Amino acid sequence: MKSQEPGLFSELKSDLPAGLVVFLVAVPLCLGIALASGAPLFSGIIAGIVGGTVVALLSGSPLGVSGPAAGLAVIVLTAIQTLGYEAFLLSVAIAGIIQIVLGFAKAGVIGYFFPSSVIKGMLSGIGLIIILKQIPHAFGYDSDPEGDFAFKQIDGETTFSALEHMLDAITPGALLISVLSLGILILWQQPFIKKFKITNIIQGPLVVVAVGIILQQVLMGTSWNLEPEHLVTLPIANGWGEFIGLFTLPDFSQWSNPAIWVTAITIAIVASLETLLCVEATDKLDPYKRLTPTNLELKAQGVGNLISGLIGGLPVTQVIVRSSANIQSGGKTKAAAFIHGLMLLGSVLVIPKLLNMIPLASLAAILIVVGFKLAKPSLFKEMARLGNKQLVPFVVTIVAILFTDLLVGIGIGMVVAIFYILLNNYKTPYFVEDKRKDAGIIHLELAEDVSFLNKASMLLSLKKLPRNSKVVIDATQTLHIDYDIKEIIMEYKANAAYKNIDLSFIGLNPETMDLESSSRKQKAGARIPVEPVD
């Protein structure tokens, strides 16, 4: 019996609470990114709604969540100051059209050429940035808006100077809420707590937000009272007319202005790169090791940016902060992202006043836990165990991201990773050959030397293998196999059962993916038992 792809709401029990957590994280981030970009606050909410509904439905990413991107804040700020807001919106819409074209041109393959060490460095770097950026909010120092993840902040401070100034501006009420919130989140993850059924129904972040609202009300009127700057600040529309007035149309008369097109091309390229990097990082975090179709993702993001630009929203990308929050909250399908988008839309219509009672300290605690899970100490130990070829690009990427920004940091990490790859592999050609033989058995024969430069062809070759088939990965001629390729094969092995694929190996250790000795390569491959999926 053939295995079936899950329906949109087939995992609602898991996706509904995950969508709620992502929604709670997304609200202050959408507002903060809009503020950091010099745009109207509601433009961030529009981008979040479009990313959560339109992009989520069109995308093939099961766990990715899209919305306004912090990495575009400087570009957006400069464009708005130069062009004006309405003309800038036209650039966003044109950027969306360019992304759609890139999707049809199959430019999504670019995302597969980033080595594993750099992607993992990106995840850990973002995790550390989230922690460093949220600590001031946890102490009640909220001078820098949520969503500003750059090293040099819009108020002139840096990530580390903000930590220093935070000590002179501690808000006792916020600190109390953040400490209690962290305690609840840590407690909620303990095995003995999981034994209570209610803890599996009500997620820890929801409890944290509820406790934060209650404490904020209790502290009101006392010396520990939280001022409005310590709370979520969602625009409130008094009636349908005011709500419609929050949307803005682009200035179509500027379509012939060359500066509009330069900005559009810049946004399209940067947004596409951020999305493709986030896609690969999210796929690595996916417990089911599913592979996102990157060309479809570019098309979905393009449609999202086209719509966002037409109704007054910021540019949209897939965002690792929200995507990782989704995964860590138990999301299983793209319904979680869609639910978060619907909640964003409903919140500005129905409960903006309730959301404006949420302390930023509560959300800081949630994000600190998200950041810690992205930058686990065990990941650093794993990379150290793999040797300098993996460790050095990993560490360089982290440091570069911390002191610059996402794309610059990844670029620096890529340079170091490519240096190591070329140092070891410049003498040998690379190829992956797919042969069909033995009546229905598919043989995937690896080359003599296989490096991360073969990631794209390997991923695409494995993706094309049909369901309910017999596959043999043959490494009898292979003398060197890069860690990135081993990781891809291990992830494919974990996913094979979901496609009812009977997988076996020749010349590879089934557990470690290390090459077997020459004498063992001559013997029959070690078969991996994969239970068929009905």
Protein backbone atom coordinates (compact mmCIF):
# COMPACT_ATOMS: atom_id res chain seq x y z
CA MET A 1 0.00 0.00 0.00
CA LYS A 2 1.43 3.40 -0.96
CA SER A 3 2.26 5.89 1.76
CA GLN A 4 0.20 9.09 1.67
CA GLU A 5 1.38 12.67 2.10
CA PRO A 6 -0.18 14.24 5.22
CA GLY A 7 -3.06 16.68 4.67
CA LEU A 8 -2.89 20.32 5.71
CA PHE A 9 -4.75 19.79 8.99
CA SER A 10 -3.87 16.13 9.56
CA GLU A 11 -1.64 17.00 12.56
CA LEU A 12 -3.78 19.72 14.09
CA LYS A 13 -3.17 18.43 17.62
CA SER A 14 0.51 19.35 17.24
CA ASP A 15 0.24 22.23 14.78
CA LEU A 16 -2.34 24.30 16.67
CA PRO A 17 -0.25 24.85 19.84
CA ALA A 18 2.90 25.30 17.73
CA GLY A 19 1.12 27.93 15.61
CA LEU A 20 0.07 29.74 18.79
CA VAL A 21 3.65 29.86 20.08
CA VAL A 22 4.94 31.14 16.72
CA PHE A 23 2.19 33.78 16.74
CA LEU A 24 3.26 35.00 20.20
CA VAL A 25 6.88 35.21 19.06
CA ALA A 26 5.96 36.83 15.74
CA VAL A 27 3.91 39.77 17.07
CA PRO A 28 6.76 41.72 18.72
CA LEU A 29 9.21 40.69 15.97
CA CYS A 30 6.91 42.01 13.23
CA LEU A 31 6.49 45.31 15.08
CA GLY A 32 10.19 45.56 15.98
CA ILE A 33 11.41 44.91 12.44
CA ALA A 34 9.01 47.55 11.11
CA LEU A 35 10.35 50.05 13.67
CA ALA A 36 13.98 49.15 12.84
CA SER A 37 13.16 49.57 9.14
CA GLY A 38 11.69 53.05 9.55
CA ALA A 39 8.31 51.81 8.28
CA PRO A 40 4.80 52.09 9.78
CA LEU A 41 4.35 49.51 12.56
CA PHE A 42 1.40 47.91 10.82
CA SER A 43 3.54 47.15 7.75
CA GLY A 44 5.33 44.48 9.78
CA ILE A 45 2.02 42.89 10.78
CA ILE A 46 0.90 42.89 7.12
CA ALA A 47 4.09 41.08 6.12
CA GLY A 48 3.57 38.58 8.93
CA ILE A 49 -0.02 37.91 7.85
CA VAL A 50 0.96 37.46 4.18
CA GLY A 51 3.92 35.25 5.09
CA GLY A 52 1.78 33.16 7.41
CA THR A 53 -1.17 32.68 5.07
CA VAL A 54 -0.33 33.17 1.38
CA VAL A 55 3.28 31.94 1.47
CA ALA A 56 2.46 29.09 3.86
CA LEU A 57 -0.23 27.74 1.52
CA LEU A 58 1.90 28.02 -1.63
CA SER A 59 5.17 26.83 -0.10
CA GLY A 60 6.37 23.23 -0.02
CA SER A 61 8.19 23.77 3.27
CA PRO A 62 6.48 21.75 6.02
CA LEU A 63 7.95 23.71 8.94
CA GLY A 64 9.26 27.01 7.55
CA VAL A 65 7.54 30.19 8.72
CA SER A 66 7.73 33.39 6.68
CA GLY A 67 7.41 37.02 7.66
CA PRO A 68 9.33 40.32 7.68
CA ALA A 69 13.09 39.75 7.78
CA ALA A 70 15.49 41.50 10.15
CA GLY A 71 18.27 41.00 7.58
CA LEU A 72 16.53 43.40 5.20
CA ALA A 73 16.01 46.19 7.76
CA VAL A 74 18.99 48.32 6.64
CA ILE A 75 18.06 47.97 2.95
CA VAL A 76 14.44 48.86 3.69
CA LEU A 77 15.39 51.83 5.90
CA THR A 78 17.65 53.28 3.19
CA ALA A 79 15.07 52.68 0.44
CA ILE A 80 12.24 54.37 2.38
CA GLN A 81 14.44 57.39 3.14
CA THR A 82 15.49 57.64 -0.53
CA LEU A 83 12.30 56.76 -2.38
CA GLY A 84 9.47 57.45 0.04
CA TYR A 85 7.24 54.74 1.48
CA GLU A 86 4.71 54.39 -1.35
CA ALA A 87 7.44 54.16 -4.01
CA PHE A 88 9.29 51.64 -1.85
CA LEU A 89 6.19 49.44 -1.81
CA LEU A 90 6.32 49.32 -5.60
CA SER A 91 9.89 48.00 -5.34
CA VAL A 92 8.69 45.25 -3.00
CA ALA A 93 5.98 44.19 -5.47
CA ILE A 94 8.47 44.16 -8.37
CA ALA A 95 10.92 42.18 -6.23
CA GLY A 96 8.18 39.58 -5.80
CA ILE A 97 7.79 39.27 -9.58
CA ILE A 98 11.57 38.84 -9.93
CA GLN A 99 11.52 36.04 -7.33
CA ILE A 100 8.74 34.26 -9.22
CA VAL A 101 10.89 34.42 -12.36
CA LEU A 102 13.87 33.06 -10.38
CA GLY A 103 11.70 30.17 -9.22
CA PHE A 104 10.73 29.25 -12.79
CA ALA A 105 14.41 29.63 -13.79
CA LYS A 106 15.20 26.97 -11.12
CA ALA A 107 17.53 29.27 -9.18
CA GLY A 108 16.61 27.47 -5.96
CA VAL A 109 19.52 25.08 -6.49
CA ILE A 110 21.84 27.82 -5.17
CA GLY A 111 20.79 26.97 -1.64
CA TYR A 112 22.34 23.50 -1.88
CA PHE A 113 25.86 24.88 -2.36
CA PHE A 114 26.29 26.01 1.24
CA PRO A 115 28.33 23.50 3.31
CA SER A 116 26.92 21.94 6.44
CA SER A 117 29.51 23.59 8.71
CA VAL A 118 28.39 27.06 7.55
CA ILE A 119 24.68 26.27 7.91
CA LYS A 120 25.22 24.92 11.43
CA GLY A 121 27.35 27.96 12.21
CA MET A 122 24.49 30.13 10.98
CA LEU A 123 22.03 28.38 13.30
CA SER A 124 24.33 28.66 16.32
CA GLY A 125 25.21 32.27 15.49
CA ILE A 126 21.54 33.22 15.26
CA GLY A 127 20.89 31.35 18.50
CA LEU A 128 23.59 33.34 20.32
CA ILE A 129 22.34 36.61 18.80
CA ILE A 130 18.80 35.86 19.98
CA ILE A 131 20.06 35.24 23.51
CA LEU A 132 22.25 38.36 23.58
CA LYS A 133 19.48 40.54 22.13
CA GLN A 134 16.81 39.24 24.51
CA ILE A 135 18.77 39.54 27.76
CA PRO A 136 18.21 43.34 27.91
CA HIS A 137 14.46 42.82 27.39
CA ALA A 138 14.49 40.22 30.17
CA PHE A 139 15.98 42.87 32.50
CA GLY A 140 13.48 45.51 31.36
CA TYR A 141 15.88 47.54 29.19
CA ASP A 142 13.78 48.01 26.04
CA SER A 143 15.50 50.92 24.28
CA ASP A 144 16.24 48.72 21.25
CA PRO A 145 13.19 47.32 19.40
CA GLU A 146 12.50 43.63 19.02
CA GLY A 147 13.64 42.44 15.61
CA ASP A 148 16.85 44.50 15.47
CA PHE A 149 19.43 41.71 15.22
CA ALA A 150 22.30 43.76 13.77
CA PHE A 151 25.54 44.15 15.76
CA LYS A 152 25.31 47.94 15.52
CA GLN A 153 21.83 48.96 16.58
CA ILE A 154 19.69 51.82 15.30
CA ASP A 155 20.31 53.83 18.50
CA GLY A 156 24.09 53.70 17.96
CA GLU A 157 24.74 51.02 20.57
CA THR A 158 26.18 47.59 19.82
CA THR A 159 25.01 44.20 21.01
CA PHE A 160 27.53 44.25 23.87
CA SER A 161 27.22 47.90 24.89
CA ALA A 162 23.47 47.33 25.33
CA LEU A 163 24.26 44.60 27.84
CA GLU A 164 26.45 47.08 29.77
CA HIS A 165 23.83 49.83 29.80
CA MET A 166 21.19 47.30 30.77
CA LEU A 167 22.73 47.01 34.24
CA ASP A 168 21.98 50.69 34.90
CA ALA A 169 18.35 50.41 33.82
CA ILE A 170 17.04 47.21 35.43
CA THR A 171 13.25 47.10 35.82
CA PRO A 172 12.42 44.85 38.83
CA GLY A 173 8.96 43.89 37.55
CA ALA A 174 10.31 42.80 34.15
CA LEU A 175 13.17 40.87 35.78
CA LEU A 176 10.71 39.06 38.06
CA ILE A 177 8.51 38.09 35.10
CA SER A 178 11.44 36.88 32.98
CA VAL A 179 12.93 34.78 35.82
CA LEU A 180 9.57 33.14 36.56
CA SER A 181 9.00 32.61 32.82
CA LEU A 182 12.35 30.89 32.34
CA GLY A 183 11.61 28.72 35.37
CA ILE A 184 8.26 27.67 33.88
CA LEU A 185 9.79 26.89 30.47
CA ILE A 186 12.58 24.79 32.00
CA LEU A 187 10.12 22.99 34.28
CA TRP A 188 7.79 22.28 31.34
CA GLN A 189 10.55 20.33 29.59
CA GLN A 190 11.29 18.00 32.49
CA PRO A 191 10.27 14.33 32.05
CA PHE A 192 8.22 14.17 35.26
CA ILE A 193 6.09 17.13 34.12
CA LYS A 194 5.37 15.43 30.78
CA LYS A 195 3.58 12.68 32.70
CA PHE A 196 0.70 15.08 33.33
CA LYS A 197 -1.61 15.11 30.30
CA ILE A 198 -2.44 18.78 30.65
CA THR A 199 1.20 19.74 30.02
CA ASN A 200 1.00 18.05 26.62
CA ILE A 201 -2.14 20.03 25.76
CA ILE A 202 -1.10 23.44 27.13
CA GLN A 203 2.38 24.45 25.96
CA GLY A 204 4.87 26.16 28.28
CA PRO A 205 5.06 29.41 26.25
CA LEU A 206 1.29 29.87 26.54
CA VAL A 207 1.54 29.50 30.32
CA VAL A 208 4.41 32.00 30.34
CA VAL A 209 2.36 34.60 28.45
CA ALA A 210 -0.67 34.07 30.71
CA VAL A 211 1.45 34.41 33.86
CA GLY A 212 3.12 37.51 32.42
CA ILE A 213 -0.23 39.21 31.76
CA ILE A 214 -1.47 38.34 35.26
CA LEU A 215 1.71 39.61 36.95
CA GLN A 216 1.63 42.79 34.86
CA GLN A 217 -1.88 43.47 36.18
CA VAL A 218 -0.91 42.63 39.77
CA LEU A 219 2.11 44.95 39.67
CA MET A 220 0.09 47.83 38.23
CA GLY A 221 0.11 50.79 40.61
CA THR A 222 3.15 49.53 42.55
CA SER A 223 6.78 50.62 42.30
CA TRP A 224 7.38 47.52 40.14
CA ASN A 225 4.78 48.61 37.58
CA LEU A 226 5.64 48.04 33.92
CA GLU A 227 5.49 51.12 31.70
CA PRO A 228 4.03 50.89 28.15
CA GLU A 229 7.51 50.59 26.60
CA HIS A 230 7.91 47.27 28.45
CA LEU A 231 4.80 45.82 26.78
CA VAL A 232 3.80 44.70 23.29
CA THR A 233 2.52 47.70 21.29
CA LEU A 234 0.11 46.58 18.59
CA PRO A 235 -1.70 49.27 16.53
CA ILE A 236 -5.35 49.51 17.54
CA ALA A 237 -8.00 50.28 14.92
CA ASN A 238 -11.30 51.66 16.21
CA GLY A 239 -13.64 50.22 13.63
CA TRP A 240 -13.41 48.71 10.18
CA GLY A 241 -12.70 52.04 8.51
CA GLU A 242 -9.59 52.68 10.62
CA PHE A 243 -8.44 49.12 10.01
CA ILE A 244 -8.66 49.55 6.22
CA GLY A 245 -6.80 52.84 6.60
CA LEU A 246 -3.79 50.97 8.01
CA PHE A 247 -3.12 49.52 4.55
CA THR A 248 -1.15 51.54 1.94
CA LEU A 249 -1.09 51.27 -1.85
CA PRO A 250 2.19 51.62 -3.80
CA ASP A 251 2.92 54.63 -6.01
CA PHE A 252 2.57 53.09 -9.48
CA SER A 253 3.59 56.36 -11.14
CA GLN A 254 7.20 55.59 -10.12
CA TRP A 255 7.48 52.41 -12.19
CA SER A 256 9.88 54.06 -14.69
CA ASN A 257 12.21 55.36 -11.95
CA PRO A 258 15.53 53.42 -12.26
CA ALA A 259 16.05 53.62 -8.48
CA ILE A 260 12.84 51.60 -8.00
CA TRP A 261 14.24 48.76 -10.10
CA VAL A 262 17.65 48.80 -8.43
CA THR A 263 15.95 48.52 -5.04
CA ALA A 264 13.65 45.77 -6.32
CA ILE A 265 16.56 43.70 -7.67
CA THR A 266 18.48 44.18 -4.40
CA ILE A 267 15.49 43.08 -2.30
CA ALA A 268 14.81 40.09 -4.58
CA ILE A 269 18.41 38.83 -4.39
CA VAL A 270 18.90 39.34 -0.65
CA ALA A 271 15.43 38.00 0.24
CA SER A 272 15.98 34.92 -1.96
CA LEU A 273 19.37 34.18 -0.39
CA GLU A 274 17.98 34.56 3.14
CA THR A 275 15.08 32.29 2.26
CA LEU A 276 17.26 29.58 0.70
CA LEU A 277 19.63 29.63 3.67
CA CYS A 278 16.70 29.40 6.08
CA VAL A 279 15.19 26.54 4.04
CA GLU A 280 18.34 24.45 4.35
CA ALA A 281 18.70 25.26 8.05
CA THR A 282 15.03 24.42 8.71
CA ASP A 283 15.32 21.14 6.82
CA LYS A 284 18.28 20.21 9.04
CA LEU A 285 16.18 20.93 12.15
CA ASP A 286 13.20 18.96 10.80
CA PRO A 287 12.95 15.75 12.88
CA TYR A 288 11.49 13.97 9.82
CA LYS A 289 14.33 15.18 7.52
CA ARG A 290 11.95 16.29 4.76
CA LEU A 291 13.36 18.15 1.77
CA THR A 292 11.81 21.49 0.80
CA PRO A 293 11.45 22.14 -2.97
CA THR A 294 13.50 25.33 -3.24
CA ASN A 295 12.21 26.49 -6.63
CA LEU A 296 8.64 26.27 -5.37
CA GLU A 297 9.73 28.19 -2.26
CA LEU A 298 11.10 31.04 -4.40
CA LYS A 299 7.79 31.21 -6.28
CA ALA A 300 5.82 31.23 -3.01
CA GLN A 301 8.01 33.98 -1.56
CA GLY A 302 7.64 35.93 -4.79
CA VAL A 303 3.85 35.81 -4.64
CA GLY A 304 4.06 36.82 -0.98
CA ASN A 305 6.24 39.85 -1.71
CA LEU A 306 4.05 40.84 -4.64
CA ILE A 307 0.94 40.86 -2.42
CA SER A 308 2.73 42.41 0.58
CA GLY A 309 4.02 45.27 -1.58
CA LEU A 310 0.59 45.89 -3.09
CA ILE A 311 -1.14 46.29 0.30
CA GLY A 312 1.53 48.14 2.30
CA GLY A 313 3.67 45.41 3.84
CA LEU A 314 7.42 44.89 4.32
CA PRO A 315 9.40 42.36 2.25
CA VAL A 316 8.86 38.74 3.24
CA THR A 317 11.37 35.89 3.62
CA GLN A 318 11.40 32.56 5.40
CA VAL A 319 12.68 33.36 8.90
CA ILE A 320 14.77 31.01 11.05
CA VAL A 321 13.67 32.47 14.41
CA ARG A 322 10.00 31.71 13.78
CA SER A 323 10.76 28.46 11.95
CA SER A 324 12.88 27.12 14.81
CA ALA A 325 10.23 28.19 17.35
CA ASN A 326 7.72 26.21 15.28
CA ILE A 327 9.91 23.09 15.26
CA GLN A 328 10.73 23.29 18.96
CA SER A 329 7.04 23.72 19.79
CA GLY A 330 6.16 20.46 18.04
CA GLY A 331 4.87 21.70 14.68
CA LYS A 332 4.60 18.92 12.10
CA THR A 333 3.08 20.43 8.93
CA LYS A 334 2.72 23.84 7.32
CA ALA A 335 -0.64 24.18 9.05
CA ALA A 336 1.25 25.64 12.05
CA ALA A 337 2.58 28.50 9.91
CA PHE A 338 -0.88 29.04 8.40
CA ILE A 339 -2.51 29.08 11.84
CA HIS A 340 0.02 31.66 13.05
CA GLY A 341 -0.90 33.86 10.06
CA LEU A 342 -4.61 33.60 10.78
CA MET A 343 -3.95 34.46 14.43
CA LEU A 344 -2.00 37.56 13.40
CA LEU A 345 -4.93 38.66 11.25
CA GLY A 346 -7.49 37.89 13.96
CA SER A 347 -5.45 39.58 16.68
CA VAL A 348 -5.42 43.02 15.04
CA LEU A 349 -9.16 42.75 14.42
CA VAL A 350 -10.36 41.26 17.70
CA ILE A 351 -7.89 41.31 20.61
CA PRO A 352 -5.25 44.03 20.11
CA LYS A 353 -5.81 45.39 23.62
CA LEU A 354 -5.23 41.97 25.20
CA LEU A 355 -2.02 41.47 23.25
CA ASN A 356 -0.83 44.90 24.37
CA MET A 357 -0.86 43.57 27.94
CA ILE A 358 1.87 41.00 27.20
CA PRO A 359 5.23 41.95 28.82
CA LEU A 360 8.25 41.90 26.49
CA ALA A 361 10.05 40.11 29.35
CA SER A 362 7.74 37.09 28.89
CA LEU A 363 8.53 36.90 25.19
CA ALA A 364 12.24 37.41 25.92
CA ALA A 365 12.22 34.28 28.06
CA ILE A 366 10.58 32.27 25.26
CA LEU A 367 13.14 33.49 22.72
CA ILE A 368 16.10 32.85 25.05
CA VAL A 369 15.05 29.19 25.22
CA VAL A 370 14.70 29.12 21.41
CA GLY A 371 18.19 30.61 21.09
CA PHE A 372 19.70 28.10 23.51
CA LYS A 373 18.27 25.19 21.54
CA LEU A 374 19.80 26.57 18.36
CA ALA A 375 23.23 26.98 19.99
CA LYS A 376 23.38 23.84 22.13
CA PRO A 377 26.81 23.09 23.68
CA SER A 378 26.50 19.56 22.28
CA LEU A 379 26.64 20.98 18.74
CA PHE A 380 29.96 22.68 19.47
CA LYS A 381 31.33 19.39 20.84
CA GLU A 382 30.13 17.54 17.74
CA MET A 383 31.83 20.00 15.39
CA ALA A 384 35.07 19.84 17.40
CA ARG A 385 35.02 16.04 17.14
CA LEU A 386 34.76 16.26 13.34
CA GLY A 387 38.07 18.13 13.04
CA ASN A 388 39.25 21.51 11.79
CA LYS A 389 37.71 21.12 8.34
CA GLN A 390 34.25 21.34 9.97
CA LEU A 391 35.09 23.24 13.17
CA VAL A 392 36.94 26.24 11.70
CA PRO A 393 34.24 27.31 9.17
CA PHE A 394 31.61 26.68 11.87
CA VAL A 395 33.31 28.96 14.42
CA VAL A 396 34.27 31.62 11.85
CA THR A 397 30.64 31.79 10.67
CA ILE A 398 29.38 32.25 14.23
CA VAL A 399 31.88 35.01 15.07
CA ALA A 400 31.31 36.79 11.76
CA ILE A 401 27.51 36.75 12.20
CA LEU A 402 27.82 38.08 15.76
CA PHE A 403 29.94 41.06 14.69
CA THR A 404 28.40 41.83 11.28
CA ASP A 405 25.08 40.47 10.03
CA LEU A 406 23.62 37.24 8.67
CA LEU A 407 24.64 37.42 5.01
CA VAL A 408 28.09 38.92 5.59
CA GLY A 409 28.80 36.32 8.28
CA ILE A 410 27.75 33.46 6.02
CA GLY A 411 29.86 34.89 3.19
CA ILE A 412 32.94 34.91 5.41
CA GLY A 413 32.21 31.37 6.58
CA MET A 414 31.81 30.23 2.97
CA VAL A 415 35.23 31.59 2.04
CA VAL A 416 36.86 29.60 4.85
CA ALA A 417 34.87 26.44 4.03
CA ILE A 418 35.75 26.60 0.33
CA PHE A 419 39.42 27.07 1.21
CA TYR A 420 39.38 23.79 3.18
CA ILE A 421 37.46 21.99 0.44
CA LEU A 422 39.77 23.12 -2.35
CA LEU A 423 42.80 22.32 -0.22
CA ASN A 424 41.76 18.66 0.00
CA ASN A 425 39.97 18.11 -3.30
CA TYR A 426 41.42 20.35 -6.01
CA LYS A 427 43.08 17.45 -7.82
CA THR A 428 40.03 15.25 -8.23
CA PRO A 429 36.96 15.65 -10.47
CA TYR A 430 33.54 15.25 -8.87
CA PHE A 431 30.54 13.41 -10.14
CA VAL A 432 27.59 11.35 -8.97
CA GLU A 433 26.29 8.68 -11.33
CA ASP A 434 22.81 7.18 -11.14
CA LYS A 435 22.40 3.81 -12.90
CA ARG A 436 19.30 1.63 -13.13
CA LYS A 437 19.90 -2.08 -13.41
CA ASP A 438 18.97 -5.46 -11.97
CA ALA A 439 15.27 -5.24 -12.77
CA GLY A 440 13.95 -2.35 -10.72
CA ILE A 441 16.85 -1.92 -8.30
CA ILE A 442 18.25 1.61 -8.47
CA HIS A 443 22.03 1.87 -8.01
CA LEU A 444 23.41 5.24 -6.99
CA GLU A 445 27.16 4.98 -7.60
CA LEU A 446 29.38 7.53 -5.90
CA ALA A 447 32.49 8.98 -7.50
CA GLU A 448 36.04 8.39 -6.32
CA ASP A 449 35.99 11.67 -4.38
CA VAL A 450 32.70 13.23 -3.24
CA SER A 451 32.68 16.68 -1.55
CA PHE A 452 30.11 19.26 -0.49
CA LEU A 453 30.26 20.60 -4.05
CA ASN A 454 28.19 17.51 -4.92
CA LYS A 455 25.45 18.43 -2.41
CA ALA A 456 23.02 19.76 -4.99
CA SER A 457 23.27 16.79 -7.36
CA MET A 458 23.11 14.32 -4.46
CA LEU A 459 20.04 15.95 -2.90
CA LEU A 460 18.22 16.21 -6.22
CA SER A 461 19.14 12.63 -7.20
CA LEU A 462 17.80 11.26 -3.92
CA LYS A 463 14.68 13.42 -4.14
CA LYS A 464 13.82 11.99 -7.57
CA LEU A 465 13.98 8.37 -6.43
CA PRO A 466 10.43 6.98 -6.57
CA ARG A 467 8.43 5.74 -3.63
CA ASN A 468 8.16 2.00 -2.98
CA SER A 469 11.50 1.32 -4.71
CA LYS A 470 14.70 -0.58 -3.93
CA VAL A 471 17.78 1.64 -3.74
CA VAL A 472 21.45 0.69 -3.41
CA ILE A 473 24.01 3.40 -2.59
CA ASP A 474 27.30 2.04 -3.93
CA ALA A 475 30.63 3.41 -2.63
CA THR A 476 32.92 0.65 -3.84
CA GLN A 477 34.90 3.10 -5.99
CA THR A 478 34.95 5.90 -3.43
CA LEU A 479 38.19 6.87 -1.69
CA HIS A 480 36.94 10.02 0.06
CA ILE A 481 33.45 11.13 1.08
CA ASP A 482 32.87 14.54 2.63
CA TYR A 483 30.93 14.94 5.88
CA ASP A 484 28.21 16.95 4.14
CA ILE A 485 27.48 13.99 1.83
CA LYS A 486 27.47 11.57 4.77
CA GLU A 487 24.95 13.81 6.50
CA ILE A 488 22.71 13.93 3.44
CA ILE A 489 22.77 10.13 3.13
CA MET A 490 22.04 9.70 6.86
CA GLU A 491 19.08 12.10 6.61
CA TYR A 492 17.83 10.26 3.54
CA LYS A 493 18.15 6.95 5.41
CA ALA A 494 16.02 8.40 8.24
CA ASN A 495 13.39 9.56 5.73
CA ALA A 496 13.35 6.39 3.59
CA ALA A 497 10.71 4.67 5.70
CA TYR A 498 8.22 7.49 5.04
CA LYS A 499 8.53 6.81 1.30
CA ASN A 500 8.46 3.01 1.71
CA ILE A 501 11.96 2.72 0.19
CA ASP A 502 14.03 -0.43 0.70
CA LEU A 503 17.53 1.03 1.19
CA SER A 504 20.89 -0.80 1.24
CA PHE A 505 24.56 0.12 1.07
CA ILE A 506 27.73 -1.26 -0.48
CA GLY A 507 31.04 0.02 0.81
CA LEU A 508 29.51 2.27 3.47
CA ASN A 509 29.04 1.60 7.17
CA PRO A 510 25.25 1.73 7.67
CA GLU A 511 25.51 3.52 11.01
CA THR A 512 28.38 6.02 10.56
CA MET A 513 28.46 6.30 6.73
CA ASP A 514 32.23 5.82 6.93
CA LEU A 515 33.86 4.01 4.02
CA GLU A 516 34.48 0.32 4.63
CA SER A 517 37.86 -1.30 3.98
CA SER A 518 38.66 -2.53 0.44
CA SER A 519 38.25 -6.17 1.37
CA ARG A 520 34.79 -5.56 2.78
CA LYS A 521 33.79 -3.46 -0.23
CA GLN A 522 33.95 -6.54 -2.39
CA LYS A 523 31.30 -8.27 -0.32
CA ALA A 524 27.58 -7.78 -0.55
CA GLY A 525 26.22 -4.58 0.90
CA ALA A 526 24.93 -4.44 4.43
CA ARG A 527 21.16 -4.13 4.24
CA ILE A 528 19.41 -1.58 6.39
CA PRO A 529 16.06 -2.78 7.70
CA VAL A 530 13.49 -0.11 6.84
CA GLU A 531 9.95 -0.86 7.87
CA PRO A 532 7.49 -0.25 5.04
CA VAL A 533 5.00 2.54 5.60
CA ASP A 534 1.39 1.70 4.85
